[in-house]
Amino acid sequence: MTPEELGEHWREEHSAKGIRALRPDFYESMASLVRECRIRCRELTPDSPEWDAADRLRQSVQTRAKALVEERAEKICRMAFLSACGGKVSVVRLTDGEKALFQQVRDDVADHLDSVIRRWHA
């Protein structure tokens, strides 16, 4: 993955109402890009002419990666809430890890709703 590809993924995810499908290795590829940028900065000294550009790229990549993960997590939590409330939700666009997050949040929300509603009948 390149910084440009990461930026494009973020822009598309941010502008999409629903969640977009990702390739199966997306998160690992994004993590590799972040690591590469961090390693590049460590290889350079702050007085190196290339260091400022490398550090700006590192900061940009980390910011975009974090924003993308947060955006998707928010959408997944919203989907899980809707599902726990009885709504029809498709998880086909989620990665395996995201499906696990969806299921955990869905189950926790459903348990919470059940426990609150049970109190009404006590």
PDB file of N, CA and C in Angstrom:
ATOM      1  N   MET A   1       0.845  -1.167   0.000  1.00  0.00           N
ATOM      2  CA  MET A   1       0.000   0.000   0.000  1.00  0.00           C
ATOM      3  C   MET A   1       0.898   1.241   0.000  1.00  0.00           C
ATOM      4  N   THR A   2       0.455   2.258  -0.698  1.00  0.00           N
ATOM      5  CA  THR A   2       1.181   3.524  -0.729  1.00  0.00           C
ATOM      6  C   THR A   2       0.416   4.565   0.090  1.00  0.00           C
ATOM      7  N   PRO A   3       1.073   5.659   0.462  1.00  0.00           N
ATOM      8  CA  PRO A   3       0.359   6.723   1.160  1.00  0.00           C
ATOM      9  C   PRO A   3      -0.817   7.265   0.339  1.00  0.00           C
ATOM     10  N   GLU A   4      -0.657   7.296  -0.961  1.00  0.00           N
ATOM     11  CA  GLU A   4      -1.736   7.778  -1.826  1.00  0.00           C
ATOM     12  C   GLU A   4      -2.943   6.837  -1.780  1.00  0.00           C
ATOM     13  N   GLU A   5      -2.667   5.526  -1.808  1.00  0.00           N
ATOM     14  CA  GLU A   5      -3.750   4.543  -1.715  1.00  0.00           C
ATOM     15  C   GLU A   5      -4.473   4.649  -0.369  1.00  0.00           C
ATOM     16  N   LEU A   6      -3.710   4.836   0.695  1.00  0.00           N
ATOM     17  CA  LEU A   6      -4.320   5.001   2.011  1.00  0.00           C
ATOM     18  C   LEU A   6      -5.221   6.228   2.031  1.00  0.00           C
ATOM     19  N   GLY A   7      -4.741   7.319   1.477  1.00  0.00           N
ATOM     20  CA  GLY A   7      -5.550   8.537   1.408  1.00  0.00           C
ATOM     21  C   GLY A   7      -6.824   8.332   0.616  1.00  0.00           C
ATOM     22  N   GLU A   8      -6.730   7.616  -0.471  1.00  0.00           N
ATOM     23  CA  GLU A   8      -7.914   7.334  -1.293  1.00  0.00           C
ATOM     24  C   GLU A   8      -8.907   6.458  -0.533  1.00  0.00           C
ATOM     25  N   HIS A   9      -8.417   5.447   0.160  1.00  0.00           N
ATOM     26  CA  HIS A   9      -9.303   4.601   0.968  1.00  0.00           C
ATOM     27  C   HIS A   9     -10.017   5.435   2.029  1.00  0.00           C
ATOM     28  N   TRP A  10      -9.272   6.321   2.688  1.00  0.00           N
ATOM     29  CA  TRP A  10      -9.878   7.157   3.717  1.00  0.00           C
ATOM     30  C   TRP A  10     -10.944   8.067   3.120  1.00  0.00           C
ATOM     31  N   ARG A  11     -10.644   8.726   2.010  1.00  0.00           N
ATOM     32  CA  ARG A  11     -11.619   9.633   1.377  1.00  0.00           C
ATOM     33  C   ARG A  11     -12.887   8.888   0.975  1.00  0.00           C
ATOM     34  N   GLU A  12     -12.719   7.707   0.381  1.00  0.00           N
ATOM     35  CA  GLU A  12     -13.884   6.930  -0.045  1.00  0.00           C
ATOM     36  C   GLU A  12     -14.699   6.450   1.152  1.00  0.00           C
ATOM     37  N   GLU A  13     -14.028   5.988   2.190  1.00  0.00           N
ATOM     38  CA  GLU A  13     -14.741   5.519   3.387  1.00  0.00           C
ATOM     39  C   GLU A  13     -15.448   6.677   4.070  1.00  0.00           C
ATOM     40  N   HIS A  14     -14.775   7.809   4.149  1.00  0.00           N
ATOM     41  CA  HIS A  14     -15.336   8.969   4.823  1.00  0.00           C
ATOM     42  C   HIS A  14     -16.572   9.506   4.099  1.00  0.00           C
ATOM     43  N   SER A  15     -16.559   9.443   2.792  1.00  0.00           N
ATOM     44  CA  SER A  15     -17.685   9.994   2.028  1.00  0.00           C
ATOM     45  C   SER A  15     -18.820   8.983   1.832  1.00  0.00           C
ATOM     46  N   ALA A  16     -18.562   7.712   2.066  1.00  0.00           N
ATOM     47  CA  ALA A  16     -19.584   6.677   1.870  1.00  0.00           C
ATOM     48  C   ALA A  16     -20.518   6.630   3.078  1.00  0.00           C
ATOM     49  N   LYS A  17     -21.785   6.477   2.807  1.00  0.00           N
ATOM     50  CA  LYS A  17     -22.749   6.363   3.904  1.00  0.00           C
ATOM     51  C   LYS A  17     -22.579   5.023   4.625  1.00  0.00           C
ATOM     52  N   GLY A  18     -22.465   3.954   3.863  1.00  0.00           N
ATOM     53  CA  GLY A  18     -22.263   2.626   4.439  1.00  0.00           C
ATOM     54  C   GLY A  18     -20.787   2.284   4.473  1.00  0.00           C
ATOM     55  N   ILE A  19     -20.525   1.084   4.933  1.00  0.00           N
ATOM     56  CA  ILE A  19     -19.133   0.634   5.015  1.00  0.00           C
ATOM     57  C   ILE A  19     -18.709   0.028   3.679  1.00  0.00           C
ATOM     58  N   ARG A  20     -17.484   0.276   3.293  1.00  0.00           N
ATOM     59  CA  ARG A  20     -16.973  -0.230   2.019  1.00  0.00           C
ATOM     60  C   ARG A  20     -16.230  -1.541   2.234  1.00  0.00           C
ATOM     61  N   ALA A  21     -16.203  -2.362   1.210  1.00  0.00           N
ATOM     62  CA  ALA A  21     -15.450  -3.616   1.268  1.00  0.00           C
ATOM     63  C   ALA A  21     -13.955  -3.315   1.144  1.00  0.00           C
ATOM     64  N   LEU A  22     -13.157  -4.062   1.873  1.00  0.00           N
ATOM     65  CA  LEU A  22     -11.704  -3.952   1.808  1.00  0.00           C
ATOM     66  C   LEU A  22     -11.121  -5.291   1.394  1.00  0.00           C
ATOM     67  N   ARG A  23      -9.938  -5.249   0.821  1.00  0.00           N
ATOM     68  CA  ARG A  23      -9.278  -6.513   0.509  1.00  0.00           C
ATOM     69  C   ARG A  23      -8.886  -7.178   1.830  1.00  0.00           C
ATOM     70  N   PRO A  24      -8.796  -8.493   1.854  1.00  0.00           N
ATOM     71  CA  PRO A  24      -8.546  -9.218   3.112  1.00  0.00           C
ATOM     72  C   PRO A  24      -7.278  -8.790   3.857  1.00  0.00           C
ATOM     73  N   ASP A  25      -6.246  -8.378   3.133  1.00  0.00           N
ATOM     74  CA  ASP A  25      -4.988  -8.002   3.784  1.00  0.00           C
ATOM     75  C   ASP A  25      -4.874  -6.505   4.045  1.00  0.00           C
ATOM     76  N   PHE A  26      -5.974  -5.790   3.978  1.00  0.00           N
ATOM     77  CA  PHE A  26      -5.931  -4.333   4.073  1.00  0.00           C
ATOM     78  C   PHE A  26      -5.255  -3.845   5.354  1.00  0.00           C
ATOM     79  N   TYR A  27      -5.709  -4.344   6.500  1.00  0.00           N
ATOM     80  CA  TYR A  27      -5.166  -3.841   7.760  1.00  0.00           C
ATOM     81  C   TYR A  27      -3.687  -4.162   7.914  1.00  0.00           C
ATOM     82  N   GLU A  28      -3.274  -5.346   7.497  1.00  0.00           N
ATOM     83  CA  GLU A  28      -1.853  -5.696   7.576  1.00  0.00           C
ATOM     84  C   GLU A  28      -1.038  -4.826   6.626  1.00  0.00           C
ATOM     85  N   SER A  29      -1.570  -4.557   5.452  1.00  0.00           N
ATOM     86  CA  SER A  29      -0.885  -3.712   4.494  1.00  0.00           C
ATOM     87  C   SER A  29      -0.761  -2.282   5.029  1.00  0.00           C
ATOM     88  N   MET A  30      -1.814  -1.792   5.661  1.00  0.00           N
ATOM     89  CA  MET A  30      -1.786  -0.452   6.241  1.00  0.00           C
ATOM     90  C   MET A  30      -0.776  -0.398   7.395  1.00  0.00           C
ATOM     91  N   ALA A  31      -0.760  -1.424   8.233  1.00  0.00           N
ATOM     92  CA  ALA A  31       0.193  -1.476   9.338  1.00  0.00           C
ATOM     93  C   ALA A  31       1.630  -1.499   8.812  1.00  0.00           C
ATOM     94  N   SER A  32       1.859  -2.216   7.727  1.00  0.00           N
ATOM     95  CA  SER A  32       3.203  -2.259   7.123  1.00  0.00           C
ATOM     96  C   SER A  32       3.628  -0.876   6.645  1.00  0.00           C
ATOM     97  N   LEU A  33       2.696  -0.150   6.035  1.00  0.00           N
ATOM     98  CA  LEU A  33       2.995   1.204   5.574  1.00  0.00           C
ATOM     99  C   LEU A  33       3.360   2.102   6.752  1.00  0.00           C
ATOM    100  N   VAL A  34       2.600   2.035   7.826  1.00  0.00           N
ATOM    101  CA  VAL A  34       2.899   2.850   9.011  1.00  0.00           C
ATOM    102  C   VAL A  34       4.280   2.483   9.558  1.00  0.00           C
ATOM    103  N   ARG A  35       4.554   1.191   9.668  1.00  0.00           N
ATOM    104  CA  ARG A  35       5.870   0.751  10.165  1.00  0.00           C
ATOM    105  C   ARG A  35       7.003   1.245   9.264  1.00  0.00           C
ATOM    106  N   GLU A  36       6.808   1.128   7.953  1.00  0.00           N
ATOM    107  CA  GLU A  36       7.841   1.580   7.006  1.00  0.00           C
ATOM    108  C   GLU A  36       8.138   3.063   7.189  1.00  0.00           C
ATOM    109  N   CYS A  37       7.102   3.853   7.380  1.00  0.00           N
ATOM    110  CA  CYS A  37       7.296   5.296   7.570  1.00  0.00           C
ATOM    111  C   CYS A  37       8.025   5.580   8.882  1.00  0.00           C
ATOM    112  N   ARG A  38       7.682   4.847   9.924  1.00  0.00           N
ATOM    113  CA  ARG A  38       8.352   5.041  11.213  1.00  0.00           C
ATOM    114  C   ARG A  38       9.819   4.620  11.126  1.00  0.00           C
ATOM    115  N   ILE A  39      10.076   3.494  10.471  1.00  0.00           N
ATOM    116  CA  ILE A  39      11.451   3.019  10.311  1.00  0.00           C
ATOM    117  C   ILE A  39      12.271   4.024   9.515  1.00  0.00           C
ATOM    118  N   ARG A  40      11.681   4.565   8.456  1.00  0.00           N
ATOM    119  CA  ARG A  40      12.386   5.543   7.613  1.00  0.00           C
ATOM    120  C   ARG A  40      12.807   6.753   8.446  1.00  0.00           C
ATOM    121  N   CYS A  41      11.937   7.219   9.322  1.00  0.00           N
ATOM    122  CA  CYS A  41      12.284   8.361  10.174  1.00  0.00           C
ATOM    123  C   CYS A  41      13.402   8.014  11.143  1.00  0.00           C
ATOM    124  N   ARG A  42      13.389   6.802  11.685  1.00  0.00           N
ATOM    125  CA  ARG A  42      14.435   6.379  12.613  1.00  0.00           C
ATOM    126  C   ARG A  42      15.790   6.235  11.922  1.00  0.00           C
ATOM    127  N   GLU A  43      15.745   5.923  10.629  1.00  0.00           N
ATOM    128  CA  GLU A  43      16.994   5.757   9.877  1.00  0.00           C
ATOM    129  C   GLU A  43      17.667   7.096   9.577  1.00  0.00           C
ATOM    130  N   LEU A  44      16.888   8.151   9.603  1.00  0.00           N
ATOM    131  CA  LEU A  44      17.413   9.479   9.293  1.00  0.00           C
ATOM    132  C   LEU A  44      17.674  10.251  10.579  1.00  0.00           C
ATOM    133  N   THR A  45      18.577  11.180  10.517  1.00  0.00           N
ATOM    134  CA  THR A  45      18.801  12.069  11.662  1.00  0.00           C
ATOM    135  C   THR A  45      17.971  13.330  11.444  1.00  0.00           C
ATOM    136  N   PRO A  46      17.524  13.970  12.531  1.00  0.00           N
ATOM    137  CA  PRO A  46      16.703  15.172  12.381  1.00  0.00           C
ATOM    138  C   PRO A  46      17.365  16.297  11.590  1.00  0.00           C
ATOM    139  N   ASP A  47      18.676  16.297  11.500  1.00  0.00           N
ATOM    140  CA  ASP A  47      19.343  17.346  10.713  1.00  0.00           C
ATOM    141  C   ASP A  47      19.508  16.955   9.241  1.00  0.00           C
ATOM    142  N   SER A  48      19.067  15.763   8.892  1.00  0.00           N
ATOM    143  CA  SER A  48      19.129  15.309   7.501  1.00  0.00           C
ATOM    144  C   SER A  48      18.129  16.106   6.662  1.00  0.00           C
ATOM    145  N   PRO A  49      18.491  16.449   5.431  1.00  0.00           N
ATOM    146  CA  PRO A  49      17.568  17.195   4.567  1.00  0.00           C
ATOM    147  C   PRO A  49      16.294  16.407   4.242  1.00  0.00           C
ATOM    148  N   GLU A  50      16.353  15.097   4.343  1.00  0.00           N
ATOM    149  CA  GLU A  50      15.184  14.262   4.021  1.00  0.00           C
ATOM    150  C   GLU A  50      14.267  14.029   5.221  1.00  0.00           C
ATOM    151  N   TRP A  51      14.759  14.351   6.439  1.00  0.00           N
ATOM    152  CA  TRP A  51      14.025  14.000   7.652  1.00  0.00           C
ATOM    153  C   TRP A  51      12.675  14.714   7.752  1.00  0.00           C
ATOM    154  N   ASP A  52      12.631  16.008   7.459  1.00  0.00           N
ATOM    155  CA  ASP A  52      11.362  16.749   7.579  1.00  0.00           C
ATOM    156  C   ASP A  52      10.275  16.142   6.693  1.00  0.00           C
ATOM    157  N   ALA A  53      10.620  15.843   5.451  1.00  0.00           N
ATOM    158  CA  ALA A  53       9.643  15.246   4.534  1.00  0.00           C
ATOM    159  C   ALA A  53       9.225  13.862   5.017  1.00  0.00           C
ATOM    160  N   ALA A  54      10.174  13.079   5.488  1.00  0.00           N
ATOM    161  CA  ALA A  54       9.856  11.730   5.979  1.00  0.00           C
ATOM    162  C   ALA A  54       8.975  11.798   7.218  1.00  0.00           C
ATOM    163  N   ASP A  55       9.249  12.753   8.113  1.00  0.00           N
ATOM    164  CA  ASP A  55       8.449  12.888   9.325  1.00  0.00           C
ATOM    165  C   ASP A  55       7.037  13.384   9.003  1.00  0.00           C
ATOM    166  N   ARG A  56       6.912  14.308   8.077  1.00  0.00           N
ATOM    167  CA  ARG A  56       5.571  14.771   7.654  1.00  0.00           C
ATOM    168  C   ARG A  56       4.774  13.626   7.043  1.00  0.00           C
ATOM    169  N   LEU A  57       5.433  12.805   6.237  1.00  0.00           N
ATOM    170  CA  LEU A  57       4.768  11.652   5.641  1.00  0.00           C
ATOM    171  C   LEU A  57       4.341  10.670   6.726  1.00  0.00           C
ATOM    172  N   ARG A  58       5.221  10.407   7.691  1.00  0.00           N
ATOM    173  CA  ARG A  58       4.896   9.504   8.798  1.00  0.00           C
ATOM    174  C   ARG A  58       3.671  10.015   9.557  1.00  0.00           C
ATOM    175  N   GLN A  59       3.667  11.282   9.874  1.00  0.00           N
ATOM    176  CA  GLN A  59       2.541  11.865  10.607  1.00  0.00           C
ATOM    177  C   GLN A  59       1.249  11.778   9.795  1.00  0.00           C
ATOM    178  N   SER A  60       1.347  12.071   8.518  1.00  0.00           N
ATOM    179  CA  SER A  60       0.177  12.018   7.647  1.00  0.00           C
ATOM    180  C   SER A  60      -0.376  10.602   7.535  1.00  0.00           C
ATOM    181  N   VAL A  61       0.511   9.639   7.338  1.00  0.00           N
ATOM    182  CA  VAL A  61       0.101   8.233   7.206  1.00  0.00           C
ATOM    183  C   VAL A  61      -0.548   7.761   8.504  1.00  0.00           C
ATOM    184  N   GLN A  62       0.083   8.058   9.640  1.00  0.00           N
ATOM    185  CA  GLN A  62      -0.479   7.640  10.925  1.00  0.00           C
ATOM    186  C   GLN A  62      -1.837   8.287  11.179  1.00  0.00           C
ATOM    187  N   THR A  63      -1.967   9.554  10.860  1.00  0.00           N
ATOM    188  CA  THR A  63      -3.239  10.267  11.055  1.00  0.00           C
ATOM    189  C   THR A  63      -4.332   9.676  10.184  1.00  0.00           C
ATOM    190  N   ARG A  64      -4.029   9.427   8.912  1.00  0.00           N
ATOM    191  CA  ARG A  64      -5.020   8.843   8.004  1.00  0.00           C
ATOM    192  C   ARG A  64      -5.395   7.434   8.422  1.00  0.00           C
ATOM    193  N   ALA A  65      -4.407   6.642   8.802  1.00  0.00           N
ATOM    194  CA  ALA A  65      -4.674   5.256   9.214  1.00  0.00           C
ATOM    195  C   ALA A  65      -5.576   5.240  10.445  1.00  0.00           C
ATOM    196  N   LYS A  66      -5.274   6.062  11.416  1.00  0.00           N
ATOM    197  CA  LYS A  66      -6.082   6.135  12.638  1.00  0.00           C
ATOM    198  C   LYS A  66      -7.501   6.601  12.312  1.00  0.00           C
ATOM    199  N   ALA A  67      -7.610   7.614  11.481  1.00  0.00           N
ATOM    200  CA  ALA A  67      -8.933   8.131  11.105  1.00  0.00           C
ATOM    201  C   ALA A  67      -9.755   7.072  10.378  1.00  0.00           C
ATOM    202  N   LEU A  68      -9.119   6.312   9.512  1.00  0.00           N
ATOM    203  CA  LEU A  68      -9.824   5.269   8.767  1.00  0.00           C
ATOM    204  C   LEU A  68     -10.304   4.161   9.706  1.00  0.00           C
ATOM    205  N   VAL A  69      -9.446   3.730  10.619  1.00  0.00           N
ATOM    206  CA  VAL A  69      -9.831   2.692  11.575  1.00  0.00           C
ATOM    207  C   VAL A  69     -10.980   3.186  12.446  1.00  0.00           C
ATOM    208  N   GLU A  70     -10.904   4.426  12.904  1.00  0.00           N
ATOM    209  CA  GLU A  70     -11.972   4.987  13.738  1.00  0.00           C
ATOM    210  C   GLU A  70     -13.278   5.110  12.971  1.00  0.00           C
ATOM    211  N   GLU A  71     -13.205   5.547  11.725  1.00  0.00           N
ATOM    212  CA  GLU A  71     -14.397   5.689  10.884  1.00  0.00           C
ATOM    213  C   GLU A  71     -15.087   4.339  10.706  1.00  0.00           C
ATOM    214  N   ARG A  72     -14.301   3.321  10.406  1.00  0.00           N
ATOM    215  CA  ARG A  72     -14.875   1.994  10.202  1.00  0.00           C
ATOM    216  C   ARG A  72     -15.418   1.431  11.511  1.00  0.00           C
ATOM    217  N   ALA A  73     -14.701   1.629  12.614  1.00  0.00           N
ATOM    218  CA  ALA A  73     -15.176   1.130  13.907  1.00  0.00           C
ATOM    219  C   ALA A  73     -16.510   1.777  14.278  1.00  0.00           C
ATOM    220  N   GLU A  74     -16.637   3.063  14.012  1.00  0.00           N
ATOM    221  CA  GLU A  74     -17.903   3.753  14.294  1.00  0.00           C
ATOM    222  C   GLU A  74     -19.037   3.154  13.455  1.00  0.00           C
ATOM    223  N   LYS A  75     -18.786   2.918  12.204  1.00  0.00           N
ATOM    224  CA  LYS A  75     -19.818   2.333  11.337  1.00  0.00           C
ATOM    225  C   LYS A  75     -20.183   0.920  11.794  1.00  0.00           C
ATOM    226  N   ILE A  76     -19.186   0.150  12.187  1.00  0.00           N
ATOM    227  CA  ILE A  76     -19.429  -1.220  12.648  1.00  0.00           C
ATOM    228  C   ILE A  76     -20.256  -1.211  13.925  1.00  0.00           C
ATOM    229  N   CYS A  77     -19.927  -0.314  14.838  1.00  0.00           N
ATOM    230  CA  CYS A  77     -20.710  -0.213  16.085  1.00  0.00           C
ATOM    231  C   CYS A  77     -22.151   0.205  15.797  1.00  0.00           C
ATOM    232  N   ARG A  78     -22.331   1.112  14.876  1.00  0.00           N
ATOM    233  CA  ARG A  78     -23.685   1.521  14.483  1.00  0.00           C
ATOM    234  C   ARG A  78     -24.449   0.338  13.877  1.00  0.00           C
ATOM    235  N   MET A  79     -23.778  -0.420  13.022  1.00  0.00           N
ATOM    236  CA  MET A  79     -24.400  -1.603  12.418  1.00  0.00           C
ATOM    237  C   MET A  79     -24.777  -2.620  13.493  1.00  0.00           C
ATOM    238  N   ALA A  80     -23.878  -2.828  14.458  1.00  0.00           N
ATOM    239  CA  ALA A  80     -24.132  -3.793  15.530  1.00  0.00           C
ATOM    240  C   ALA A  80     -25.317  -3.361  16.380  1.00  0.00           C
ATOM    241  N   PHE A  81     -25.422  -2.079  16.671  1.00  0.00           N
ATOM    242  CA  PHE A  81     -26.552  -1.559  17.441  1.00  0.00           C
ATOM    243  C   PHE A  81     -27.859  -1.808  16.685  1.00  0.00           C
ATOM    244  N   LEU A  82     -27.865  -1.481  15.411  1.00  0.00           N
ATOM    245  CA  LEU A  82     -29.072  -1.697  14.609  1.00  0.00           C
ATOM    246  C   LEU A  82     -29.458  -3.164  14.579  1.00  0.00           C
ATOM    247  N   SER A  83     -28.479  -4.033  14.446  1.00  0.00           N
ATOM    248  CA  SER A  83     -28.738  -5.465  14.431  1.00  0.00           C
ATOM    249  C   SER A  83     -29.288  -5.936  15.774  1.00  0.00           C
ATOM    250  N   ALA A  84     -28.726  -5.440  16.867  1.00  0.00           N
ATOM    251  CA  ALA A  84     -29.193  -5.823  18.203  1.00  0.00           C
ATOM    252  C   ALA A  84     -30.638  -5.377  18.438  1.00  0.00           C
ATOM    253  N   CYS A  85     -31.034  -4.324  17.761  1.00  0.00           N
ATOM    254  CA  CYS A  85     -32.407  -3.814  17.880  1.00  0.00           C
ATOM    255  C   CYS A  85     -33.361  -4.485  16.893  1.00  0.00           C
ATOM    256  N   GLY A  86     -32.869  -5.482  16.177  1.00  0.00           N
ATOM    257  CA  GLY A  86     -33.717  -6.236  15.269  1.00  0.00           C
ATOM    258  C   GLY A  86     -33.616  -5.851  13.812  1.00  0.00           C
ATOM    259  N   GLY A  87     -32.753  -4.917  13.489  1.00  0.00           N
ATOM    260  CA  GLY A  87     -32.600  -4.487  12.103  1.00  0.00           C
ATOM    261  C   GLY A  87     -31.823  -5.495  11.273  1.00  0.00           C
ATOM    262  N   LYS A  88     -32.066  -5.466   9.981  1.00  0.00           N
ATOM    263  CA  LYS A  88     -31.337  -6.334   9.049  1.00  0.00           C
ATOM    264  C   LYS A  88     -30.034  -5.636   8.664  1.00  0.00           C
ATOM    265  N   VAL A  89     -28.930  -6.301   8.900  1.00  0.00           N
ATOM    266  CA  VAL A  89     -27.610  -5.738   8.627  1.00  0.00           C
ATOM    267  C   VAL A  89     -26.778  -6.787   7.914  1.00  0.00           C
ATOM    268  N   SER A  90     -26.094  -6.378   6.858  1.00  0.00           N
ATOM    269  CA  SER A  90     -25.210  -7.282   6.126  1.00  0.00           C
ATOM    270  C   SER A  90     -23.764  -7.038   6.559  1.00  0.00           C
ATOM    271  N   VAL A  91     -23.068  -8.110   6.859  1.00  0.00           N
ATOM    272  CA  VAL A  91     -21.662  -8.001   7.274  1.00  0.00           C
ATOM    273  C   VAL A  91     -20.702  -8.472   6.177  1.00  0.00           C
ATOM    274  N   VAL A  92     -21.197  -8.648   4.976  1.00  0.00           N
ATOM    275  CA  VAL A  92     -20.345  -9.192   3.906  1.00  0.00           C
ATOM    276  C   VAL A  92     -19.182  -8.269   3.558  1.00  0.00           C
ATOM    277  N   ARG A  93     -19.289  -6.992   3.820  1.00  0.00           N
ATOM    278  CA  ARG A  93     -18.207  -6.060   3.486  1.00  0.00           C
ATOM    279  C   ARG A  93     -17.177  -5.914   4.605  1.00  0.00           C
ATOM    280  N   LEU A  94     -17.359  -6.642   5.688  1.00  0.00           N
ATOM    281  CA  LEU A  94     -16.434  -6.544   6.811  1.00  0.00           C
ATOM    282  C   LEU A  94     -15.316  -7.568   6.681  1.00  0.00           C
ATOM    283  N   THR A  95     -14.154  -7.206   7.189  1.00  0.00           N
ATOM    284  CA  THR A  95     -13.055  -8.176   7.261  1.00  0.00           C
ATOM    285  C   THR A  95     -13.386  -9.172   8.374  1.00  0.00           C
ATOM    286  N   ASP A  96     -12.637 -10.244   8.462  1.00  0.00           N
ATOM    287  CA  ASP A  96     -12.878 -11.227   9.516  1.00  0.00           C
ATOM    288  C   ASP A  96     -12.768 -10.601  10.901  1.00  0.00           C
ATOM    289  N   GLY A  97     -11.760  -9.768  11.110  1.00  0.00           N
ATOM    290  CA  GLY A  97     -11.595  -9.099  12.395  1.00  0.00           C
ATOM    291  C   GLY A  97     -12.754  -8.158  12.697  1.00  0.00           C
ATOM    292  N   GLU A  98     -13.234  -7.469  11.678  1.00  0.00           N
ATOM    293  CA  GLU A  98     -14.370  -6.562  11.861  1.00  0.00           C
ATOM    294  C   GLU A  98     -15.647  -7.333  12.157  1.00  0.00           C
ATOM    295  N   LYS A  99     -15.780  -8.515  11.557  1.00  0.00           N
ATOM    296  CA  LYS A  99     -16.952  -9.351  11.852  1.00  0.00           C
ATOM    297  C   LYS A  99     -16.954  -9.766  13.320  1.00  0.00           C
ATOM    298  N   ALA A 100     -15.781 -10.069  13.849  1.00  0.00           N
ATOM    299  CA  ALA A 100     -15.678 -10.428  15.267  1.00  0.00           C
ATOM    300  C   ALA A 100     -16.056  -9.235  16.143  1.00  0.00           C
ATOM    301  N   LEU A 101     -15.589  -8.046  15.794  1.00  0.00           N
ATOM    302  CA  LEU A 101     -15.964  -6.837  16.532  1.00  0.00           C
ATOM    303  C   LEU A 101     -17.468  -6.619  16.459  1.00  0.00           C
ATOM    304  N   PHE A 102     -18.034  -6.743  15.266  1.00  0.00           N
ATOM    305  CA  PHE A 102     -19.476  -6.577  15.083  1.00  0.00           C
ATOM    306  C   PHE A 102     -20.237  -7.526  15.993  1.00  0.00           C
ATOM    307  N   GLN A 103     -19.858  -8.788  15.989  1.00  0.00           N
ATOM    308  CA  GLN A 103     -20.575  -9.792  16.780  1.00  0.00           C
ATOM    309  C   GLN A 103     -20.473  -9.495  18.273  1.00  0.00           C
ATOM    310  N   GLN A 104     -19.282  -9.113  18.722  1.00  0.00           N
ATOM    311  CA  GLN A 104     -19.090  -8.808  20.144  1.00  0.00           C
ATOM    312  C   GLN A 104     -19.936  -7.611  20.565  1.00  0.00           C
ATOM    313  N   VAL A 105     -19.895  -6.551  19.785  1.00  0.00           N
ATOM    314  CA  VAL A 105     -20.683  -5.353  20.117  1.00  0.00           C
ATOM    315  C   VAL A 105     -22.171  -5.665  20.037  1.00  0.00           C
ATOM    316  N   ARG A 106     -22.575  -6.395  18.996  1.00  0.00           N
ATOM    317  CA  ARG A 106     -23.981  -6.758  18.849  1.00  0.00           C
ATOM    318  C   ARG A 106     -24.467  -7.549  20.058  1.00  0.00           C
ATOM    319  N   ASP A 107     -23.691  -8.550  20.467  1.00  0.00           N
ATOM    320  CA  ASP A 107     -24.068  -9.379  21.612  1.00  0.00           C
ATOM    321  C   ASP A 107     -24.131  -8.553  22.895  1.00  0.00           C
ATOM    322  N   ASP A 108     -23.153  -7.670  23.105  1.00  0.00           N
ATOM    323  CA  ASP A 108     -23.147  -6.837  24.310  1.00  0.00           C
ATOM    324  C   ASP A 108     -24.342  -5.887  24.336  1.00  0.00           C
ATOM    325  N   VAL A 109     -24.660  -5.281  23.212  1.00  0.00           N
ATOM    326  CA  VAL A 109     -25.813  -4.377  23.148  1.00  0.00           C
ATOM    327  C   VAL A 109     -27.101  -5.167  23.375  1.00  0.00           C
ATOM    328  N   ALA A 110     -27.231  -6.313  22.732  1.00  0.00           N
ATOM    329  CA  ALA A 110     -28.436  -7.137  22.912  1.00  0.00           C
ATOM    330  C   ALA A 110     -28.585  -7.557  24.370  1.00  0.00           C
ATOM    331  N   ASP A 111     -27.492  -7.966  25.015  1.00  0.00           N
ATOM    332  CA  ASP A 111     -27.545  -8.336  26.435  1.00  0.00           C
ATOM    333  C   ASP A 111     -27.971  -7.147  27.289  1.00  0.00           C
ATOM    334  N   HIS A 112     -27.424  -5.983  26.991  1.00  0.00           N
ATOM    335  CA  HIS A 112     -27.788  -4.781  27.743  1.00  0.00           C
ATOM    336  C   HIS A 112     -29.271  -4.460  27.576  1.00  0.00           C
ATOM    337  N   LEU A 113     -29.738  -4.474  26.346  1.00  0.00           N
ATOM    338  CA  LEU A 113     -31.149  -4.174  26.093  1.00  0.00           C
ATOM    339  C   LEU A 113     -32.051  -5.185  26.802  1.00  0.00           C
ATOM    340  N   ASP A 114     -31.680  -6.456  26.725  1.00  0.00           N
ATOM    341  CA  ASP A 114     -32.475  -7.494  27.398  1.00  0.00           C
ATOM    342  C   ASP A 114     -32.524  -7.273  28.903  1.00  0.00           C
ATOM    343  N   SER A 115     -31.383  -6.929  29.507  1.00  0.00           N
ATOM    344  CA  SER A 115     -31.358  -6.751  30.963  1.00  0.00           C
ATOM    345  C   SER A 115     -32.177  -5.536  31.385  1.00  0.00           C
ATOM    346  N   VAL A 116     -32.166  -4.494  30.604  1.00  0.00           N
ATOM    347  CA  VAL A 116     -32.955  -3.302  30.933  1.00  0.00           C
ATOM    348  C   VAL A 116     -34.442  -3.599  30.765  1.00  0.00           C
ATOM    349  N   ILE A 117     -34.792  -4.242  29.691  1.00  0.00           N
ATOM    350  CA  ILE A 117     -36.210  -4.533  29.424  1.00  0.00           C
ATOM    351  C   ILE A 117     -36.760  -5.531  30.448  1.00  0.00           C
ATOM    352  N   ARG A 118     -35.937  -6.474  30.897  1.00  0.00           N
ATOM    353  CA  ARG A 118     -36.371  -7.434  31.931  1.00  0.00           C
ATOM    354  C   ARG A 118     -36.784  -6.706  33.204  1.00  0.00           C
ATOM    355  N   ARG A 119     -36.114  -5.622  33.526  1.00  0.00           N
ATOM    356  CA  ARG A 119     -36.454  -4.856  34.740  1.00  0.00           C
ATOM    357  C   ARG A 119     -37.874  -4.296  34.663  1.00  0.00           C
ATOM    358  N   TRP A 120     -38.338  -4.030  33.481  1.00  0.00           N
ATOM    359  CA  TRP A 120     -39.696  -3.499  33.344  1.00  0.00           C
ATOM    360  C   TRP A 120     -40.725  -4.528  33.785  1.00  0.00           C
ATOM    361  N   HIS A 121     -40.365  -5.795  33.626  1.00  0.00           N
ATOM    362  CA  HIS A 121     -41.303  -6.876  33.923  1.00  0.00           C
ATOM    363  C   HIS A 121     -41.094  -7.490  35.300  1.00  0.00           C
ATOM    364  N   ALA A 122     -40.174  -6.969  36.068  1.00  0.00           N
ATOM    365  CA  ALA A 122     -39.869  -7.527  37.384  1.00  0.00           C
ATOM    366  C   ALA A 122     -40.899  -7.071  38.432  1.00  0.00           C
TER     367      ALA A 122
END
